[in-house]
Amino acid sequence: MEKLPVINNKQFYKSVVSIALPIAFQSLIASTLNLVDTLMIGSLGELELAAVGLSTQLYFIHYMLLFGITSGSSTFISQFWGVKDMRNIRRVTGFAIVMSFSASLLFFIPAFFFPEVILGIFTDDPAIINLGAQFVSTASFTFLTLSIVVPLVSALRTTEQTKIPLKISVVVFCTNTFLNYVFIFGNFGMPALGVKGAAISTLTARCIELALILFVVIIRKNLIYGKLREFFSFNLQLVKRIVRNALPTTINEVMWGSGMAAYNAAYGRMGVTEFASIQASNTIMTLFILFAFSLGDATLILVGKRLGAGELLYAYAKAKKLLKLSVIVGAISGIILIILSPSILQFFNFTPKGLYNAKNILLVYGLFMSIKVFNGINITGPFRAGGDTKFAMLAEIGCVWLIGVPLVFLGTFYWSLPVYYVVLLAQTVEVVEFFLCFFRFKSKKWVNNMIHDIHS
């Protein structure tokens, strides 16, 4: 049995903090933005909250698609970063932009032209569909802005420039919050647009985000900046490997996102109050889980860098240490969520039934937080850093679609359980996935150098 190298604790925690903290704060800002949106819309009533909650399912699936594409490409960026091969980093980034923009067009067209049809997939309530269509069609252009922003942010993060996306997120958060106040409620002489006002605010903030990221990369000539042909002069050998690696991550994220949307399609048919409690609970839970999940991005960067440099055993040891840290952080986050959730829920305009549902849902989320974090870090961290994306895909979507979706639909339509018990059934997925991830990590089959024979 090979002896693992000793990891210097001081250097380890310093590298984790310098990379994970900015990512965590950026994710926290994005999540807080969602919370502010939810609180503002929720103050209008449960119908408006349910309409926006269901409307954002399409945007959630789209983001999962972009995340899958960029996660697949980040494997190579992180490993090329280990040998400081900037030329191939630009090629990978350019290819990720092309794939992301092409995929985003497939979302933009139906969202802009047929929003009612899209919303009909998630609910059969005409009031929710009519209200939600205003949000979907107005905000549809964000599909196109995100298709450029997400790959560029991924490249900045993976080259350890995590503070730049954080600063941009602060501007986006402030802009969106202020515009929500103006357009949702009709302040400063503007008409009160409600749900449509939230969509206008979101679109405006996303356009500003795109402008800022292009300014940083192109005008300020960032580290990843290069001539246009450097981004789009694809090496066929490299493209084949990116596609082979990114295809499973893309399928993984889209199918996982679709599974979550399927959960919500079931919840959405339980009633407005039930779905409003789910929507609020998910938004709150995300606030508490994001710091832990930022360790997944840090793991991909730190472990991928070592794998690219050929330090395979050191990469394994570092990933093991990061996983232990993530379990501790996940457990602490779950406890804090359970303690603070009753106070946070007081900000929502819930009926007594909706408040009772949300409290129980958050209790379930808090109890399973540590296991959920362990699974998420494995999938997005070491497995993707080493190109073990096919196993990650099979484990995650297999658990969601073969276990989670059937149980949620049985609990909703056949057993007619309360919404919080259905949520508890869905957590069975996390338990099964935990064992799959644990034994795969120990096998070291994910420990691979993906770039050893690729040259500029």
Protein backbone atom coordinates (compact mmCIF):
# COMPACT_ATOMS: atom_id res chain seq x y z
CA MET A 1 0.00 0.00 0.00
CA GLU A 2 1.44 3.36 -1.08
CA LYS A 3 2.16 5.83 1.69
CA LEU A 4 0.38 9.13 1.10
CA PRO A 5 2.49 12.30 1.15
CA VAL A 6 2.11 14.59 4.15
CA ILE A 7 0.05 17.71 3.44
CA ASN A 8 1.34 20.87 5.13
CA ASN A 9 -1.67 22.11 7.10
CA LYS A 10 -0.73 25.79 6.96
CA GLN A 11 -0.27 25.78 3.18
CA PHE A 12 -3.35 23.60 2.73
CA TYR A 13 -5.72 25.89 4.62
CA LYS A 14 -4.16 28.98 3.06
CA SER A 15 -4.79 27.65 -0.47
CA VAL A 16 -8.34 26.54 0.44
CA VAL A 17 -9.19 29.92 1.96
CA SER A 18 -7.71 31.92 -0.95
CA ILE A 19 -9.71 29.94 -3.52
CA ALA A 20 -12.81 28.67 -1.74
CA LEU A 21 -13.71 31.83 0.21
CA PRO A 22 -14.18 34.14 -2.82
CA ILE A 23 -16.16 31.40 -4.58
CA ALA A 24 -18.23 30.89 -1.43
CA PHE A 25 -18.94 34.61 -1.09
CA GLN A 26 -19.82 34.87 -4.78
CA SER A 27 -22.20 31.92 -4.44
CA LEU A 28 -23.60 33.41 -1.23
CA ILE A 29 -24.26 36.71 -3.01
CA ALA A 30 -26.00 34.88 -5.87
CA SER A 31 -28.07 32.93 -3.38
CA THR A 32 -28.86 36.05 -1.36
CA LEU A 33 -29.98 37.63 -4.61
CA ASN A 34 -32.40 34.73 -5.08
CA LEU A 35 -33.54 35.11 -1.47
CA VAL A 36 -34.17 38.84 -1.92
CA ASP A 37 -36.09 38.10 -5.15
CA THR A 38 -38.10 35.44 -3.33
CA LEU A 39 -38.83 37.71 -0.35
CA MET A 40 -39.91 40.60 -2.57
CA ILE A 41 -42.10 38.44 -4.78
CA GLY A 42 -43.32 36.45 -1.77
CA SER A 43 -44.54 39.67 -0.15
CA LEU A 44 -47.03 39.95 -3.03
CA GLY A 45 -48.59 36.58 -2.12
CA GLU A 46 -48.24 32.80 -2.46
CA LEU A 47 -49.57 32.82 -6.05
CA GLU A 48 -46.82 35.19 -7.23
CA LEU A 49 -44.18 33.22 -5.32
CA ALA A 50 -45.34 29.93 -6.88
CA ALA A 51 -45.44 31.50 -10.38
CA VAL A 52 -41.88 32.80 -10.20
CA GLY A 53 -40.70 29.59 -8.52
CA LEU A 54 -42.02 27.43 -11.34
CA SER A 55 -40.82 29.91 -13.98
CA THR A 56 -37.26 29.68 -12.76
CA GLN A 57 -37.22 25.88 -13.27
CA LEU A 58 -36.34 26.42 -16.93
CA TYR A 59 -33.51 28.77 -15.95
CA PHE A 60 -32.33 26.25 -13.40
CA ILE A 61 -32.10 23.48 -16.02
CA HIS A 62 -30.31 25.89 -18.38
CA TYR A 63 -27.78 26.80 -15.70
CA MET A 64 -27.19 23.11 -14.98
CA LEU A 65 -26.48 22.62 -18.70
CA LEU A 66 -23.91 25.44 -18.70
CA PHE A 67 -22.44 24.15 -15.45
CA GLY A 68 -22.06 20.71 -17.02
CA ILE A 69 -20.29 22.10 -20.08
CA THR A 70 -17.94 24.30 -18.06
CA SER A 71 -17.26 21.59 -15.46
CA GLY A 72 -16.17 19.27 -18.26
CA SER A 73 -13.89 21.93 -19.69
CA SER A 74 -12.58 22.95 -16.24
CA THR A 75 -10.94 19.52 -15.92
CA PHE A 76 -8.59 20.52 -18.71
CA ILE A 77 -8.19 24.17 -17.68
CA SER A 78 -7.16 23.12 -14.16
CA GLN A 79 -4.67 20.55 -15.47
CA PHE A 80 -3.25 22.96 -18.08
CA TRP A 81 -2.99 25.52 -15.29
CA GLY A 82 -0.77 23.04 -13.44
CA VAL A 83 1.81 23.40 -16.25
CA LYS A 84 0.90 27.07 -17.07
CA ASP A 85 -0.15 26.27 -20.66
CA MET A 86 -2.14 29.46 -21.38
CA ARG A 87 -2.57 28.76 -25.08
CA ASN A 88 -4.54 25.58 -24.47
CA ILE A 89 -6.44 27.23 -21.61
CA ARG A 90 -7.74 29.81 -24.12
CA ARG A 91 -8.65 27.08 -26.59
CA VAL A 92 -10.63 25.20 -23.96
CA THR A 93 -12.38 28.41 -22.86
CA GLY A 94 -13.28 29.33 -26.45
CA PHE A 95 -14.70 25.90 -27.13
CA ALA A 96 -16.76 26.08 -23.90
CA ILE A 97 -18.23 29.43 -25.07
CA VAL A 98 -19.20 27.98 -28.46
CA MET A 99 -20.90 24.97 -26.85
CA SER A 100 -22.64 27.11 -24.22
CA PHE A 101 -23.98 29.68 -26.69
CA SER A 102 -25.27 26.98 -29.06
CA ALA A 103 -27.06 25.21 -26.21
CA SER A 104 -28.50 28.47 -24.87
CA LEU A 105 -30.19 29.25 -28.19
CA LEU A 106 -32.25 26.07 -27.71
CA PHE A 107 -33.60 27.52 -24.46
CA PHE A 108 -34.02 31.11 -25.62
CA ILE A 109 -36.28 30.36 -28.60
CA PRO A 110 -39.07 28.42 -26.79
CA ALA A 111 -38.85 30.66 -23.70
CA PHE A 112 -39.32 33.83 -25.75
CA PHE A 113 -41.96 32.57 -28.16
CA PHE A 114 -43.83 29.82 -26.22
CA PRO A 115 -43.58 30.52 -22.45
CA GLU A 116 -47.07 29.17 -21.68
CA VAL A 117 -46.23 25.82 -23.27
CA ILE A 118 -43.04 25.54 -21.21
CA LEU A 119 -44.83 26.35 -17.94
CA GLY A 120 -47.57 23.83 -18.76
CA ILE A 121 -44.96 21.11 -18.22
CA PHE A 122 -44.63 22.07 -14.55
CA THR A 123 -48.18 22.96 -13.53
CA ASP A 124 -51.80 22.77 -14.70
CA ASP A 125 -52.86 25.91 -12.78
CA PRO A 126 -53.91 28.60 -15.36
CA ALA A 127 -53.30 31.46 -12.91
CA ILE A 128 -49.70 30.36 -12.30
CA ILE A 129 -49.08 29.80 -16.03
CA ASN A 130 -50.41 33.24 -17.04
CA LEU A 131 -48.41 35.03 -14.37
CA GLY A 132 -45.25 32.99 -14.89
CA ALA A 133 -45.27 33.54 -18.67
CA GLN A 134 -44.59 37.24 -18.05
CA PHE A 135 -41.40 36.35 -16.21
CA VAL A 136 -40.18 33.65 -18.63
CA SER A 137 -40.54 35.64 -21.87
CA THR A 138 -39.08 38.87 -20.44
CA ALA A 139 -36.06 37.22 -18.81
CA SER A 140 -35.38 34.86 -21.74
CA PHE A 141 -32.46 36.98 -23.03
CA THR A 142 -30.48 36.05 -19.91
CA PHE A 143 -29.95 32.64 -21.52
CA LEU A 144 -27.71 34.35 -24.08
CA THR A 145 -25.78 36.55 -21.64
CA LEU A 146 -25.07 33.63 -19.30
CA SER A 147 -23.76 31.50 -22.18
CA ILE A 148 -20.74 33.84 -22.36
CA VAL A 149 -20.45 34.81 -18.69
CA VAL A 150 -20.43 31.28 -17.21
CA PRO A 151 -17.49 29.90 -19.28
CA LEU A 152 -15.43 33.06 -18.67
CA VAL A 153 -16.13 33.01 -14.93
CA SER A 154 -15.19 29.32 -14.88
CA ALA A 155 -11.87 30.10 -16.61
CA LEU A 156 -11.12 32.91 -14.14
CA ARG A 157 -11.88 30.68 -11.17
CA THR A 158 -9.89 27.74 -12.46
CA THR A 159 -6.83 29.94 -13.01
CA GLU A 160 -7.18 30.96 -9.33
CA GLN A 161 -8.53 34.47 -10.04
CA THR A 162 -11.54 33.97 -7.83
CA LYS A 163 -11.78 37.55 -6.51
CA ILE A 164 -12.76 39.00 -9.90
CA PRO A 165 -16.09 37.12 -10.24
CA LEU A 166 -16.77 37.96 -6.58
CA LYS A 167 -16.46 41.71 -7.19
CA ILE A 168 -18.67 41.51 -10.28
CA SER A 169 -21.29 39.57 -8.30
CA VAL A 170 -21.44 42.36 -5.71
CA VAL A 171 -22.30 44.87 -8.46
CA VAL A 172 -24.91 42.52 -9.95
CA PHE A 173 -26.48 41.91 -6.54
CA CYS A 174 -26.77 45.61 -5.71
CA THR A 175 -28.16 46.42 -9.17
CA ASN A 176 -30.75 43.65 -9.13
CA THR A 177 -31.91 44.43 -5.59
CA PHE A 178 -32.34 48.15 -6.33
CA LEU A 179 -34.16 47.50 -9.61
CA ASN A 180 -36.44 44.96 -7.90
CA TYR A 181 -37.39 47.66 -5.41
CA VAL A 182 -38.12 50.04 -8.28
CA PHE A 183 -39.95 47.78 -10.73
CA ILE A 184 -41.74 45.21 -8.54
CA PHE A 185 -43.32 47.75 -6.20
CA GLY A 186 -43.36 50.84 -8.44
CA ASN A 187 -41.00 53.18 -6.58
CA PHE A 188 -39.34 56.41 -7.84
CA GLY A 189 -42.30 57.14 -10.09
CA MET A 190 -42.19 53.81 -11.95
CA PRO A 191 -45.30 51.62 -12.36
CA ALA A 192 -45.66 48.58 -10.06
CA LEU A 193 -44.97 45.68 -12.44
CA GLY A 194 -44.88 42.80 -9.95
CA VAL A 195 -43.61 39.55 -11.51
CA LYS A 196 -42.70 41.24 -14.81
CA GLY A 197 -40.74 43.86 -12.87
CA ALA A 198 -38.65 41.09 -11.30
CA ALA A 199 -37.85 39.76 -14.77
CA ILE A 200 -36.82 43.21 -16.05
CA SER A 201 -34.52 43.66 -13.04
CA THR A 202 -32.93 40.24 -13.56
CA LEU A 203 -32.31 40.86 -17.27
CA THR A 204 -30.79 44.31 -16.67
CA ALA A 205 -28.45 42.99 -13.96
CA ARG A 206 -27.33 40.09 -16.19
CA CYS A 207 -26.53 42.47 -19.07
CA ILE A 208 -24.38 44.56 -16.72
CA GLU A 209 -22.67 41.34 -15.57
CA LEU A 210 -21.77 40.46 -19.17
CA ALA A 211 -20.42 43.96 -19.83
CA LEU A 212 -18.23 43.84 -16.71
CA ILE A 213 -16.77 40.41 -17.42
CA LEU A 214 -15.90 41.42 -21.01
CA PHE A 215 -14.35 44.63 -19.73
CA VAL A 216 -12.13 42.72 -17.29
CA VAL A 217 -11.03 40.09 -19.81
CA ILE A 218 -10.67 42.19 -22.97
CA ILE A 219 -10.13 45.85 -22.00
CA ARG A 220 -8.06 45.12 -18.88
CA LYS A 221 -6.23 42.30 -20.75
CA ASN A 222 -6.66 39.65 -18.09
CA LEU A 223 -4.38 36.63 -17.77
CA ILE A 224 -6.75 34.57 -19.95
CA TYR A 225 -6.93 37.29 -22.62
CA GLY A 226 -5.56 36.50 -26.06
CA LYS A 227 -6.24 37.15 -29.70
CA LEU A 228 -9.60 35.90 -30.95
CA ARG A 229 -8.01 33.18 -33.06
CA GLU A 230 -6.32 31.75 -29.94
CA PHE A 231 -9.74 31.03 -28.44
CA PHE A 232 -11.18 29.49 -31.57
CA SER A 233 -8.21 27.72 -33.21
CA PHE A 234 -9.33 24.37 -31.87
CA ASN A 235 -6.94 21.45 -31.73
CA LEU A 236 -8.90 18.39 -32.94
CA GLN A 237 -7.22 16.07 -30.44
CA LEU A 238 -8.07 18.45 -27.60
CA VAL A 239 -11.66 18.98 -28.78
CA LYS A 240 -12.29 15.22 -28.86
CA ARG A 241 -11.05 14.88 -25.30
CA ILE A 242 -13.06 17.85 -24.04
CA VAL A 243 -16.23 16.49 -25.65
CA ARG A 244 -15.56 12.99 -24.28
CA ASN A 245 -15.14 14.48 -20.80
CA ALA A 246 -17.75 17.26 -20.99
CA LEU A 247 -20.54 15.17 -22.51
CA PRO A 248 -21.04 13.07 -19.35
CA THR A 249 -20.88 16.18 -17.10
CA THR A 250 -23.38 17.97 -19.33
CA ILE A 251 -25.76 15.00 -19.40
CA ASN A 252 -25.20 14.65 -15.65
CA GLU A 253 -26.14 18.25 -14.82
CA VAL A 254 -29.05 18.44 -17.27
CA MET A 255 -30.53 15.14 -16.12
CA TRP A 256 -29.97 16.05 -12.46
CA GLY A 257 -31.55 19.46 -13.07
CA SER A 258 -34.40 17.80 -14.94
CA GLY A 259 -34.84 15.44 -12.00
CA MET A 260 -35.12 18.41 -9.63
CA ALA A 261 -37.61 19.97 -12.05
CA ALA A 262 -39.56 16.69 -12.02
CA TYR A 263 -39.65 16.89 -8.23
CA ASN A 264 -41.02 20.42 -8.56
CA ALA A 265 -43.56 19.33 -11.17
CA ALA A 266 -44.92 16.93 -8.53
CA TYR A 267 -44.77 19.53 -5.76
CA GLY A 268 -46.42 22.08 -8.08
CA ARG A 269 -49.47 19.81 -8.38
CA MET A 270 -49.84 19.51 -4.61
CA GLY A 271 -51.12 23.10 -4.39
CA VAL A 272 -49.96 26.71 -4.32
CA THR A 273 -49.23 26.65 -0.57
CA GLU A 274 -47.15 23.44 -0.79
CA PHE A 275 -45.09 24.67 -3.70
CA ALA A 276 -44.56 28.10 -2.14
CA SER A 277 -43.17 26.38 0.98
CA ILE A 278 -40.84 24.27 -1.21
CA GLN A 279 -39.67 27.36 -3.12
CA ALA A 280 -38.88 29.31 0.06
CA SER A 281 -37.21 26.30 1.73
CA ASN A 282 -34.96 25.61 -1.26
CA THR A 283 -33.87 29.24 -1.40
CA ILE A 284 -33.01 29.27 2.32
CA MET A 285 -31.28 25.87 2.22
CA THR A 286 -29.09 27.05 -0.67
CA LEU A 287 -27.77 29.89 1.50
CA PHE A 288 -26.44 27.38 4.01
CA ILE A 289 -25.03 24.79 1.63
CA LEU A 290 -23.17 27.10 -0.73
CA PHE A 291 -20.03 27.57 1.35
CA ALA A 292 -19.62 23.82 1.64
CA PHE A 293 -20.19 23.38 -2.09
CA SER A 294 -17.57 26.04 -2.86
CA LEU A 295 -15.08 23.47 -1.58
CA GLY A 296 -16.03 21.37 -4.63
CA ASP A 297 -14.79 24.11 -6.97
CA ALA A 298 -11.67 24.51 -4.83
CA THR A 299 -11.09 20.75 -4.95
CA LEU A 300 -11.35 20.66 -8.75
CA ILE A 301 -8.85 23.53 -9.04
CA LEU A 302 -6.34 22.36 -6.43
CA VAL A 303 -6.51 18.65 -7.25
CA GLY A 304 -6.68 19.18 -11.03
CA LYS A 305 -3.59 21.38 -10.87
CA ARG A 306 -1.63 18.61 -9.13
CA LEU A 307 -2.92 15.94 -11.55
CA GLY A 308 -1.85 18.08 -14.52
CA ALA A 309 1.63 18.42 -13.02
CA GLY A 310 1.81 14.62 -12.70
CA GLU A 311 1.70 14.57 -8.87
CA LEU A 312 -0.98 11.88 -8.70
CA LEU A 313 -0.47 10.60 -5.16
CA TYR A 314 -0.27 14.14 -3.78
CA ALA A 315 -3.53 14.97 -5.60
CA TYR A 316 -5.25 12.01 -3.94
CA ALA A 317 -4.00 13.00 -0.49
CA LYS A 318 -5.16 16.58 -0.99
CA ALA A 319 -8.60 15.48 -2.20
CA LYS A 320 -8.97 13.21 0.84
CA LYS A 321 -8.20 16.09 3.20
CA LEU A 322 -10.63 18.38 1.37
CA LEU A 323 -13.41 15.77 1.64
CA LYS A 324 -12.94 15.46 5.39
CA LEU A 325 -13.15 19.23 5.70
CA SER A 326 -16.31 19.34 3.56
CA VAL A 327 -18.13 16.81 5.79
CA ILE A 328 -17.40 18.94 8.86
CA VAL A 329 -18.53 22.13 7.12
CA GLY A 330 -21.68 20.37 5.86
CA ALA A 331 -22.59 19.16 9.36
CA ILE A 332 -22.11 22.64 10.86
CA SER A 333 -24.18 24.22 8.05
CA GLY A 334 -27.00 21.73 8.65
CA ILE A 335 -27.12 22.46 12.38
CA ILE A 336 -27.17 26.23 11.83
CA LEU A 337 -29.92 25.83 9.21
CA ILE A 338 -32.13 23.92 11.66
CA ILE A 339 -31.56 26.48 14.43
CA LEU A 340 -32.13 29.62 12.33
CA SER A 341 -34.87 28.46 9.93
CA PRO A 342 -37.86 29.41 12.18
CA SER A 343 -36.56 32.99 12.43
CA ILE A 344 -35.84 33.32 8.70
CA LEU A 345 -39.27 31.99 7.73
CA GLN A 346 -40.94 34.82 9.64
CA PHE A 347 -39.94 37.14 6.77
CA PHE A 348 -42.22 35.26 4.36
CA ASN A 349 -45.90 36.03 3.95
CA PHE A 350 -46.97 32.42 4.68
CA THR A 351 -50.29 31.00 5.79
CA PRO A 352 -49.98 28.89 9.00
CA LYS A 353 -50.02 25.72 6.86
CA GLY A 354 -47.29 27.05 4.56
CA LEU A 355 -45.12 28.01 7.55
CA TYR A 356 -45.54 24.54 9.13
CA ASN A 357 -44.59 22.86 5.83
CA ALA A 358 -41.51 25.00 5.35
CA LYS A 359 -40.23 24.41 8.91
CA ASN A 360 -40.42 20.64 8.45
CA ILE A 361 -38.84 20.73 4.99
CA LEU A 362 -35.87 22.72 6.34
CA LEU A 363 -35.52 20.25 9.23
CA VAL A 364 -35.15 17.42 6.69
CA TYR A 365 -32.63 19.42 4.64
CA GLY A 366 -30.57 20.20 7.74
CA LEU A 367 -30.41 16.56 8.86
CA PHE A 368 -29.13 15.37 5.46
CA MET A 369 -26.81 18.34 4.76
CA SER A 370 -23.52 16.60 5.61
CA ILE A 371 -24.19 13.59 3.35
CA LYS A 372 -25.41 15.86 0.55
CA VAL A 373 -22.22 17.93 0.73
CA PHE A 374 -20.00 14.83 0.70
CA ASN A 375 -21.72 13.58 -2.46
CA GLY A 376 -21.66 16.96 -4.19
CA ILE A 377 -17.97 17.57 -3.45
CA ASN A 378 -17.00 14.13 -4.78
CA ILE A 379 -18.93 14.59 -8.01
CA THR A 380 -17.82 18.15 -8.79
CA GLY A 381 -14.37 17.93 -7.21
CA PRO A 382 -12.02 14.91 -7.44
CA PHE A 383 -14.06 12.89 -9.96
CA ARG A 384 -14.23 15.76 -12.45
CA ALA A 385 -10.67 16.91 -11.73
CA GLY A 386 -9.45 13.47 -12.81
CA GLY A 387 -11.84 13.06 -15.74
CA ASP A 388 -13.93 10.34 -14.06
CA THR A 389 -17.06 12.02 -15.40
CA LYS A 390 -18.80 8.92 -16.75
CA PHE A 391 -18.99 7.27 -13.33
CA ALA A 392 -20.12 10.55 -11.74
CA MET A 393 -22.89 10.82 -14.34
CA LEU A 394 -24.13 7.25 -13.87
CA ALA A 395 -24.08 7.51 -10.08
CA GLU A 396 -25.88 10.82 -9.82
CA ILE A 397 -28.57 10.56 -12.50
CA GLY A 398 -29.11 6.87 -11.73
CA CYS A 399 -29.93 7.70 -8.11
CA VAL A 400 -32.15 10.68 -8.99
CA TRP A 401 -34.16 9.04 -11.78
CA LEU A 402 -34.31 5.43 -10.57
CA ILE A 403 -34.88 6.22 -6.88
CA GLY A 404 -35.73 9.88 -6.26
CA VAL A 405 -38.25 10.67 -9.00
CA PRO A 406 -40.31 7.46 -8.54
CA LEU A 407 -40.46 7.98 -4.75
CA VAL A 408 -41.48 11.65 -5.08
CA PHE A 409 -44.25 10.79 -7.55
CA LEU A 410 -45.45 7.84 -5.44
CA GLY A 411 -45.47 9.99 -2.32
CA THR A 412 -47.35 12.80 -4.09
CA PHE A 413 -49.88 11.04 -6.30
CA TYR A 414 -50.30 7.53 -4.85
CA TRP A 415 -49.69 7.83 -1.11
CA SER A 416 -50.86 11.50 -0.88
CA LEU A 417 -48.27 12.31 1.78
CA PRO A 418 -47.68 15.80 3.21
CA VAL A 419 -45.04 17.69 1.24
CA TYR A 420 -42.35 17.41 3.96
CA TYR A 421 -42.64 13.60 4.00
CA VAL A 422 -42.24 13.55 0.21
CA VAL A 423 -39.08 15.65 0.63
CA LEU A 424 -37.85 13.11 3.19
CA LEU A 425 -38.43 10.30 0.69
CA ALA A 426 -36.33 12.19 -1.87
CA GLN A 427 -33.34 12.18 0.52
CA THR A 428 -33.02 8.39 0.04
CA VAL A 429 -31.05 9.37 -3.06
CA GLU A 430 -28.32 10.94 -0.92
CA VAL A 431 -27.83 7.81 1.20
CA VAL A 432 -27.37 5.50 -1.81
CA GLU A 433 -25.14 8.02 -3.59
CA PHE A 434 -22.96 8.34 -0.47
CA PHE A 435 -21.89 4.69 -0.62
CA LEU A 436 -21.26 4.82 -4.38
CA CYS A 437 -19.07 7.93 -4.04
CA PHE A 438 -17.20 6.67 -0.98
CA PHE A 439 -16.05 3.41 -2.59
CA ARG A 440 -15.24 5.05 -5.92
CA PHE A 441 -13.04 7.63 -4.22
CA LYS A 442 -11.17 4.94 -2.28
CA SER A 443 -10.56 2.97 -5.51
CA LYS A 444 -8.40 5.84 -6.95
CA LYS A 445 -9.83 5.12 -10.42
CA TRP A 446 -10.48 8.85 -10.78
CA VAL A 447 -6.78 9.76 -10.35
CA ASN A 448 -5.78 10.55 -13.96
CA ASN A 449 -3.56 12.99 -15.87
CA MET A 450 -5.65 14.03 -18.89
CA ILE A 451 -3.13 16.25 -20.71
CA HIS A 452 0.19 14.41 -20.61
CA ASP A 453 0.39 14.03 -24.44
CA ILE A 454 -1.40 17.22 -25.51
CA HIS A 455 0.84 20.06 -26.66
CA SER A 456 0.31 23.66 -27.72
